[in-house]
Structure formats: structure tokens, C-alpha cells
């Protein structure tokens, strides 16, 4: 009886191990053949913005590396939440991916309710890069440094305004963080898009903007705007003469926005790892790297765990800023 029992147990163990090996082989085969059709890069904004530009910069290189067509699918609305929800609810086979920006991190606090759970319904694949903003002013404003701006704002509380691309956007939240850390009062003027906001800044209708570097650098070079500082930890590649907020004496007001790729939860880990490595290799290609830098994004690939840690850390940081400022988006 004991021999028979041992024999049956051995057969069971062999079958179980065989089944497990078969599963591993299947997963590995899936990763090797992936992708088997066109891959969608979903962007939660209309065409023409920075996140759209990042997606289009990556798409050609990824298509070449993966051997399948990559299409950019613009699904704008609700501060990118519509596009994010599409990816969160898509088939978890790696053929629908999200190109996310800072809104992925701030939306859970800005919106009372989202149709998805960022941490449960999505899984990080890789960082693409990080970007600072530039504090730019119209030349008519009598300031040439951040300290000048703070002094003027304290002398004229509530009389200086700053433009943003809309409530809850990075260009808005950067202004709120600066106000909190510098102890100044400035009036927020939200626009329907950063492009409209910077046009009014160029026209002198507003005084200040916390603008994407890619959008403002050409105007700074042309002398149409004056850059006081960049918000990141290091000087920007395209604004080397402009100090950081830390150098200007306000390190706590520093901020960086992050761009990355996410997949629906449930995509096999082998596919996620393959994508992560491919994205990192694509970012290192000189032509891709240069295009990202020209848009104001400092390229930086990562593994999934590193990007996940960035999401958790930054979500907690910005939740405090948003709640302190009392910002809500309907």
C-alpha cells in the first residue's frame, strides 16, 4: 500500500510539475511572439500636446524594434481620465498601452471619483522621461529673478496673476506649490489649454506662467519671454543659463513631471519585461533621445518596479499640495 501511495504521489508530482513547466513554456512563448498585431499607444489628450509628442516620438522606434505597427490613439477628456480608463479596461494582452503624464499621479486626488483604480487596474511598464517647467514672465514685469518675483508678489498681494493650461493641470499645480512655499498670493487664471495660455502671456494679458520648457524655450531665446527658473533638480538642456528653483533659494517649490508607459493589470510579466527593455533601448537611440530633449523631456527609462515607486511617491506628495490648495475638478 505504501509503495502504491508513493508511486501515486510521484505520478501526481510529476504531472503537477509537468503542468507548471507547460504553463511557463506557454508564457515564455507568448512573450517571444508578442506582439502579434498592431499595438495602440493611448494618449488621454488631443493631438498636438507634449504627451502626444512623446508618444509619437517613441512609436516609430518601438515599431521597428517590435516588428509591428504602433498607432497613437488620442482619447482626450476629463484630464486624461477617459483615455486611462480605456486602457485599464482593455484586453490584458499588451496590445493596448497608456502613455501617461503627471495627470496619472494627480487625478486620484483631483477627482472625487474615477472609473478606474490606478494602482489596481494598471501596471507600470517603464518611465520614458521627466520634465521640469520653466517659470516665465512677460518682459514688462519688473523682475529678473525668483527673489525679485517673490518680493514683488509680497508687495502687491493678490495683484499679480499667473496663467495655466486649466484647473488641476501641472501648470496650475506648480503655481500653487510655489505660492505655498514662497508664502505669496497670486491669482490663478485658468485657460482651456496651455497653448492659449502662453499666447496670452506673450501678449502681456497675464504676467507669469509655469510653462513646459519645450513650449516656452523658443520664446525665451527670441526675447519675447524672460525665464526666471526651472522647477527641476538640474538645469534644463535647452535653458542652460536659467537656474533651478533650488539655486534660486526655493528648493521646496521644486517639481518634476513624469511620463511613462503603463499596461492593463493582468498582462503577463514576460510581456511587460520585454516592453520595458525595448522602451529603454528605444529611448537610448540618438534620434529618439534628441527629439525628447528638444521637447523639454529628459529621457530616463526604468524597470516596472522603479516606475511604480515613482507613481506611489509622487501621488502622496501631490495629494498634500492639492488638498492644501483646496483644488477639485468635476
Protein backbone atom coordinates (compact mmCIF):
# COMPACT_ATOMS: atom_id res chain seq x y z
CA UNK A 1 0.00 0.00 0.00
CA UNK A 2 2.78 2.38 0.97
CA UNK A 3 4.63 1.68 -2.27
CA UNK A 4 1.45 2.27 -4.26
CA UNK A 5 0.83 5.51 -2.37
CA UNK A 6 4.37 6.70 -3.01
CA UNK A 7 4.03 5.76 -6.65
CA UNK A 8 0.74 7.62 -6.99
CA UNK A 9 2.23 10.63 -5.23
CA UNK A 10 5.21 10.59 -7.53
CA UNK A 11 2.98 10.45 -10.57
CA UNK A 12 0.89 13.35 -9.21
CA UNK A 13 4.00 15.41 -8.50
CA UNK A 14 5.36 14.69 -11.96
CA UNK A 15 2.07 15.70 -13.55
CA UNK A 16 1.92 18.89 -11.48
CA UNK A 17 5.50 19.81 -12.31
CA UNK A 18 4.87 18.95 -15.93
CA UNK A 19 1.79 21.15 -15.96
CA UNK A 20 3.69 24.00 -14.32
CA UNK A 21 6.51 23.69 -16.85
CA UNK A 22 3.94 23.76 -19.64
CA UNK A 23 2.46 26.98 -18.27
CA UNK A 24 5.92 28.56 -18.06
CA UNK A 25 6.69 27.45 -21.61
CA UNK A 26 3.40 28.92 -22.82
CA UNK A 27 4.05 32.26 -21.10
CA UNK A 28 7.58 32.36 -22.49
CA UNK A 29 6.30 31.55 -25.99
CA UNK A 30 3.72 34.34 -25.72
CA UNK A 31 6.45 36.84 -24.83
CA UNK A 32 8.65 35.63 -27.69
CA UNK A 33 5.90 36.04 -30.28
CA UNK A 34 4.49 39.29 -28.84
CA UNK A 35 3.24 41.47 -30.42
CA UNK A 36 1.13 39.59 -32.95
CA UNK A 37 -0.78 42.64 -34.24
CA UNK A 38 -0.83 46.44 -34.15
CA UNK A 39 -0.17 47.98 -30.73
CA UNK A 40 -2.19 51.03 -29.63
CA UNK A 41 -0.49 53.78 -27.65
CA UNK A 42 -3.41 55.57 -26.00
CA UNK A 43 -2.90 59.25 -25.16
CA UNK A 44 -5.50 60.90 -22.95
CA UNK A 45 -5.29 64.23 -24.79
CA UNK A 46 -5.96 65.62 -28.26
CA UNK A 47 -3.13 65.60 -30.78
CA UNK A 48 -0.52 68.33 -30.54
CA UNK A 49 0.37 68.43 -26.86
CA UNK A 50 3.53 67.28 -25.09
CA UNK A 51 2.22 63.83 -24.13
CA UNK A 52 1.11 63.27 -27.71
CA UNK A 53 4.58 64.36 -28.85
CA UNK A 54 6.24 61.88 -26.50
CA UNK A 55 4.03 59.06 -27.81
CA UNK A 56 4.77 59.88 -31.45
CA UNK A 57 8.49 60.16 -30.74
CA UNK A 58 8.50 56.64 -29.30
CA UNK A 59 6.11 54.96 -31.73
CA UNK A 60 8.41 54.66 -34.76
CA UNK A 61 11.34 53.27 -32.75
CA UNK A 62 9.15 50.79 -30.89
CA UNK A 63 7.50 49.64 -34.12
CA UNK A 64 10.90 48.91 -35.62
CA UNK A 65 12.14 47.08 -32.53
CA UNK A 66 8.98 45.01 -32.03
CA UNK A 67 8.24 44.34 -35.68
CA UNK A 68 4.64 45.53 -35.56
CA UNK A 69 2.87 48.80 -36.34
CA UNK A 70 2.35 51.20 -33.43
CA UNK A 71 -0.51 53.68 -33.65
CA UNK A 72 -1.12 56.69 -31.41
CA UNK A 73 -4.78 56.79 -30.35
CA UNK A 74 -5.79 60.20 -28.94
CA UNK A 75 -8.68 59.89 -26.46
CA UNK A 76 -8.92 63.30 -24.82
CA UNK A 77 -11.21 64.33 -22.00
CA UNK A 78 -11.52 64.56 -18.21
CA UNK A 79 -7.86 65.43 -17.69
CA UNK A 80 -6.75 62.21 -19.44
CA UNK A 81 -9.05 60.02 -17.32
CA UNK A 82 -11.07 58.86 -20.36
CA UNK A 83 -8.01 57.51 -22.15
CA UNK A 84 -6.67 55.98 -18.95
CA UNK A 85 -9.96 54.17 -18.34
CA UNK A 86 -9.92 52.74 -21.88
CA UNK A 87 -6.54 51.14 -21.21
CA UNK A 88 -7.49 49.96 -17.71
CA UNK A 89 -10.49 48.08 -19.16
CA UNK A 90 -8.79 46.76 -22.30
CA UNK A 91 -7.76 43.17 -23.01
CA UNK A 92 -4.63 42.41 -20.92
CA UNK A 93 -2.53 41.13 -23.79
CA UNK A 94 -0.09 44.04 -24.19
CA UNK A 95 -1.60 45.37 -27.42
CA UNK A 96 -3.15 48.43 -25.74
CA UNK A 97 -0.81 50.64 -23.72
CA UNK A 98 -1.13 54.01 -21.99
CA UNK A 99 1.26 56.91 -22.48
CA UNK A 100 0.78 58.76 -19.19
CA UNK A 101 1.89 62.10 -17.84
CA UNK A 102 1.63 63.81 -14.47
CA UNK A 103 -2.17 63.57 -14.51
CA UNK A 104 -1.89 59.86 -13.72
CA UNK A 105 -0.40 60.95 -10.38
CA UNK A 106 -2.65 63.91 -9.56
CA UNK A 107 -6.05 62.72 -10.83
CA UNK A 108 -6.75 60.36 -7.89
CA UNK A 109 -6.82 63.42 -5.60
CA UNK A 110 -8.27 65.96 -8.01
CA UNK A 111 -11.33 63.88 -8.90
CA UNK A 112 -13.83 62.75 -6.29
CA UNK A 113 -14.34 59.52 -8.23
CA UNK A 114 -12.51 57.85 -11.10
CA UNK A 115 -13.81 54.88 -13.12
CA UNK A 116 -10.56 53.00 -12.50
CA UNK A 117 -8.08 52.37 -9.70
CA UNK A 118 -4.62 53.50 -10.78
CA UNK A 119 -2.75 51.00 -8.61
CA UNK A 120 -5.06 48.02 -9.12
CA UNK A 121 -6.20 48.32 -12.74
CA UNK A 122 -2.91 49.38 -14.34
CA UNK A 123 0.64 48.13 -14.11
CA UNK A 124 3.75 50.24 -14.76
CA UNK A 125 5.96 49.24 -17.68
CA UNK A 126 8.65 51.93 -17.88
CA UNK A 127 9.40 55.55 -17.31
CA UNK A 128 10.06 57.49 -20.50
CA UNK A 129 11.39 60.68 -19.00
CA UNK A 130 10.94 63.57 -16.63
CA UNK A 131 10.39 67.23 -17.34
CA UNK A 132 10.72 70.44 -15.41
CA UNK A 133 8.63 73.51 -16.00
CA UNK A 134 10.02 76.97 -16.59
CA UNK A 135 8.84 80.00 -14.63
CA UNK A 136 8.48 82.55 -17.41
CA UNK A 137 7.28 86.14 -17.25
CA UNK A 138 6.33 88.81 -19.74
CA UNK A 139 9.26 91.24 -20.18
CA UNK A 140 7.09 94.10 -18.92
CA UNK A 141 7.06 92.57 -15.42
CA UNK A 142 9.91 94.28 -13.49
CA UNK A 143 11.56 91.10 -12.19
CA UNK A 144 14.72 89.28 -13.24
CA UNK A 145 14.94 86.56 -10.62
CA UNK A 146 12.72 84.40 -8.43
CA UNK A 147 13.62 86.54 -5.41
CA UNK A 148 12.50 89.63 -7.36
CA UNK A 149 9.20 87.88 -8.14
CA UNK A 150 8.61 86.92 -4.51
CA UNK A 151 9.40 90.46 -3.33
CA UNK A 152 7.01 91.96 -5.91
CA UNK A 153 4.25 89.48 -5.07
CA UNK A 154 4.57 90.27 -1.36
CA UNK A 155 4.47 93.97 -2.11
CA UNK A 156 1.37 93.51 -4.27
CA UNK A 157 -0.58 90.64 -2.66
CA UNK A 158 -3.33 89.32 -4.93
CA UNK A 159 -2.46 91.76 -7.74
CA UNK A 160 -0.17 89.51 -9.81
CA UNK A 161 -1.73 86.78 -11.90
CA UNK A 162 -0.38 83.59 -13.41
CA UNK A 163 -1.75 81.59 -16.31
CA UNK A 164 -2.21 77.84 -16.56
CA UNK A 165 -3.49 75.32 -19.07
CA UNK A 166 -6.52 74.64 -16.84
CA UNK A 167 -7.60 73.70 -13.34
CA UNK A 168 -5.65 70.76 -11.97
CA UNK A 169 -3.02 70.74 -14.72
CA UNK A 170 0.69 70.60 -13.93
CA UNK A 171 0.99 74.28 -14.89
CA UNK A 172 -1.66 75.09 -12.27
CA UNK A 173 -0.31 72.86 -9.51
CA UNK A 174 3.22 74.20 -9.98
CA UNK A 175 1.90 77.68 -9.27
CA UNK A 176 0.05 76.51 -6.16
CA UNK A 177 3.13 74.75 -4.82
CA UNK A 178 5.21 77.87 -5.43
CA UNK A 179 2.66 80.07 -3.65
CA UNK A 180 2.63 77.73 -0.64
CA UNK A 181 6.40 77.51 -0.34
CA UNK A 182 7.19 81.16 -1.10
CA UNK A 183 4.34 82.49 1.04
CA UNK A 184 2.86 84.72 -1.66
CA UNK A 185 -0.59 85.45 -3.04
CA UNK A 186 -1.07 85.30 -6.80
CA UNK A 187 -4.28 85.00 -8.80
CA UNK A 188 -4.70 81.87 -10.90
CA UNK A 189 -6.08 82.41 -14.43
CA UNK A 190 -7.02 79.03 -15.97
CA UNK A 191 -7.19 78.66 -19.76
CA UNK A 192 -8.53 75.89 -21.96
CA UNK A 193 -5.11 74.59 -22.87
CA UNK A 194 -1.50 75.63 -22.36
CA UNK A 195 -1.20 76.93 -25.92
CA UNK A 196 -3.88 79.57 -25.36
CA UNK A 197 -2.33 80.49 -22.01
CA UNK A 198 1.13 81.08 -23.41
CA UNK A 199 -0.36 83.16 -26.26
CA UNK A 200 -1.95 85.49 -23.71
CA UNK A 201 1.33 85.62 -21.78
CA UNK A 202 3.14 86.66 -24.96
CA UNK A 203 0.50 89.33 -25.45
CA UNK A 204 1.00 90.68 -21.93
CA UNK A 205 -2.55 89.86 -20.82
CA UNK A 206 -1.15 87.76 -17.94
CA UNK A 207 2.15 88.19 -16.12
CA UNK A 208 3.54 84.74 -15.32
CA UNK A 209 3.27 81.13 -16.36
CA UNK A 210 4.74 77.87 -15.14
CA UNK A 211 5.18 76.56 -18.66
CA UNK A 212 6.52 73.41 -20.27
CA UNK A 213 10.10 74.06 -21.30
CA UNK A 214 9.55 72.87 -24.85
CA UNK A 215 6.77 75.42 -25.37
CA UNK A 216 8.48 78.39 -23.73
CA UNK A 217 12.18 77.98 -24.62
CA UNK A 218 11.85 79.32 -28.21
CA UNK A 219 10.11 82.46 -26.89
CA UNK A 220 12.82 82.91 -24.24
CA UNK A 221 15.51 82.63 -26.91
CA UNK A 222 13.67 85.22 -29.02
CA UNK A 223 13.47 87.63 -26.09
CA UNK A 224 9.66 87.55 -26.02
CA UNK A 225 9.61 85.97 -22.55
CA UNK A 226 12.01 86.03 -19.61
CA UNK A 227 12.82 82.77 -17.79
CA UNK A 228 13.42 83.10 -14.04
CA UNK A 229 13.99 79.46 -13.09
CA UNK A 230 13.30 75.85 -13.96
CA UNK A 231 11.47 73.69 -11.44
CA UNK A 232 13.55 70.50 -11.65
CA UNK A 233 16.64 69.42 -9.71
CA UNK A 234 19.03 70.21 -12.57
CA UNK A 235 19.22 72.86 -15.26
CA UNK A 236 17.37 72.07 -18.47
CA UNK A 237 19.37 71.07 -21.53
CA UNK A 238 17.73 73.78 -23.66
CA UNK A 239 17.87 76.51 -20.95
CA UNK A 240 21.37 76.06 -19.55
CA UNK A 241 21.67 79.69 -18.39
CA UNK A 242 18.49 79.51 -16.30
CA UNK A 243 18.92 78.49 -12.63
CA UNK A 244 16.90 75.86 -10.80
CA UNK A 245 14.50 76.79 -8.02
CA UNK A 246 16.97 75.23 -5.58
CA UNK A 247 19.70 77.53 -6.87
CA UNK A 248 17.25 80.43 -6.60
CA UNK A 249 16.70 79.68 -2.92
CA UNK A 250 13.37 77.81 -3.04
CA UNK A 251 14.18 74.07 -3.09
CA UNK A 252 10.85 73.05 -1.53
CA UNK A 253 8.98 74.52 -4.51
CA UNK A 254 10.79 72.26 -6.97
CA UNK A 255 8.81 69.81 -9.05
CA UNK A 256 9.26 67.35 -11.87
CA UNK A 257 6.59 65.84 -14.10
CA UNK A 258 6.90 62.23 -15.21
CA UNK A 259 5.98 60.49 -18.46
CA UNK A 260 5.73 56.73 -18.70
CA UNK A 261 4.09 53.69 -20.25
CA UNK A 262 1.55 51.51 -18.45
CA UNK A 263 -0.36 48.37 -19.37
CA UNK A 264 -3.61 46.91 -18.06
CA UNK A 265 -3.28 44.78 -14.94
CA UNK A 266 -3.04 41.13 -15.92
CA UNK A 267 -0.64 41.49 -18.85
CA UNK A 268 1.88 38.62 -18.46
CA UNK A 269 5.08 39.67 -16.74
CA UNK A 270 7.23 38.36 -19.60
CA UNK A 271 5.50 40.76 -21.98
CA UNK A 272 5.85 43.67 -19.53
CA UNK A 273 9.57 42.94 -19.13
CA UNK A 274 10.04 42.70 -22.89
CA UNK A 275 8.29 46.05 -23.37
CA UNK A 276 10.30 47.67 -20.58
CA UNK A 277 13.62 46.61 -22.09
CA UNK A 278 12.52 47.64 -25.59
CA UNK A 279 11.40 51.08 -24.40
CA UNK A 280 14.72 51.62 -22.58
CA UNK A 281 16.67 50.66 -25.71
CA UNK A 282 14.50 52.88 -27.91
CA UNK A 283 14.99 55.90 -25.64
CA UNK A 284 18.76 55.50 -25.95
CA UNK A 285 18.66 55.80 -29.74
CA UNK A 286 20.27 59.18 -30.57
CA UNK A 287 17.44 60.43 -32.78
CA UNK A 288 14.76 59.50 -30.22
CA UNK A 289 16.78 60.90 -27.33
CA UNK A 290 17.30 64.21 -29.12
CA UNK A 291 13.62 64.60 -30.02
CA UNK A 292 12.61 64.06 -26.39
CA UNK A 293 15.18 66.58 -25.15
CA UNK A 294 14.03 69.12 -27.75
CA UNK A 295 10.52 68.79 -26.30
CA UNK A 296 11.85 69.52 -22.81
CA UNK A 297 11.80 65.91 -21.59
CA UNK A 298 14.94 64.44 -20.03
CA UNK A 299 14.90 60.77 -21.15
CA UNK A 300 15.10 58.08 -18.46
CA UNK A 301 13.93 54.52 -18.96
CA UNK A 302 13.30 52.29 -15.95
CA UNK A 303 12.12 48.86 -14.93
CA UNK A 304 8.46 48.43 -13.88
CA UNK A 305 9.23 48.48 -10.15
CA UNK A 306 11.08 51.80 -10.35
CA UNK A 307 8.21 53.45 -12.22
CA UNK A 308 5.73 52.02 -9.72
CA UNK A 309 7.67 53.56 -6.86
CA UNK A 310 7.65 56.96 -8.62
CA UNK A 311 3.87 56.75 -9.01
CA UNK A 312 3.29 55.92 -5.33
CA UNK A 313 5.75 58.55 -4.03
CA UNK A 314 4.55 61.38 -6.26
CA UNK A 315 0.86 60.60 -5.71
CA UNK A 316 1.33 61.04 -1.95
CA UNK A 317 3.34 64.25 -2.43
CA UNK A 318 0.82 65.93 -4.73
CA UNK A 319 -2.16 64.83 -2.65
CA UNK A 320 -0.86 67.10 0.13
CA UNK A 321 -0.40 70.07 -2.21
CA UNK A 322 -3.82 69.64 -3.83
CA UNK A 323 -5.64 69.28 -0.50
CA UNK A 324 -3.83 72.29 0.99
CA UNK A 325 -4.88 74.41 -2.01
CA UNK A 326 -8.44 73.06 -1.93
CA UNK A 327 -8.37 72.15 -5.62
CA UNK A 328 -11.16 69.94 -7.02
CA UNK A 329 -12.04 69.06 -10.61
CA UNK A 330 -15.55 67.94 -11.52
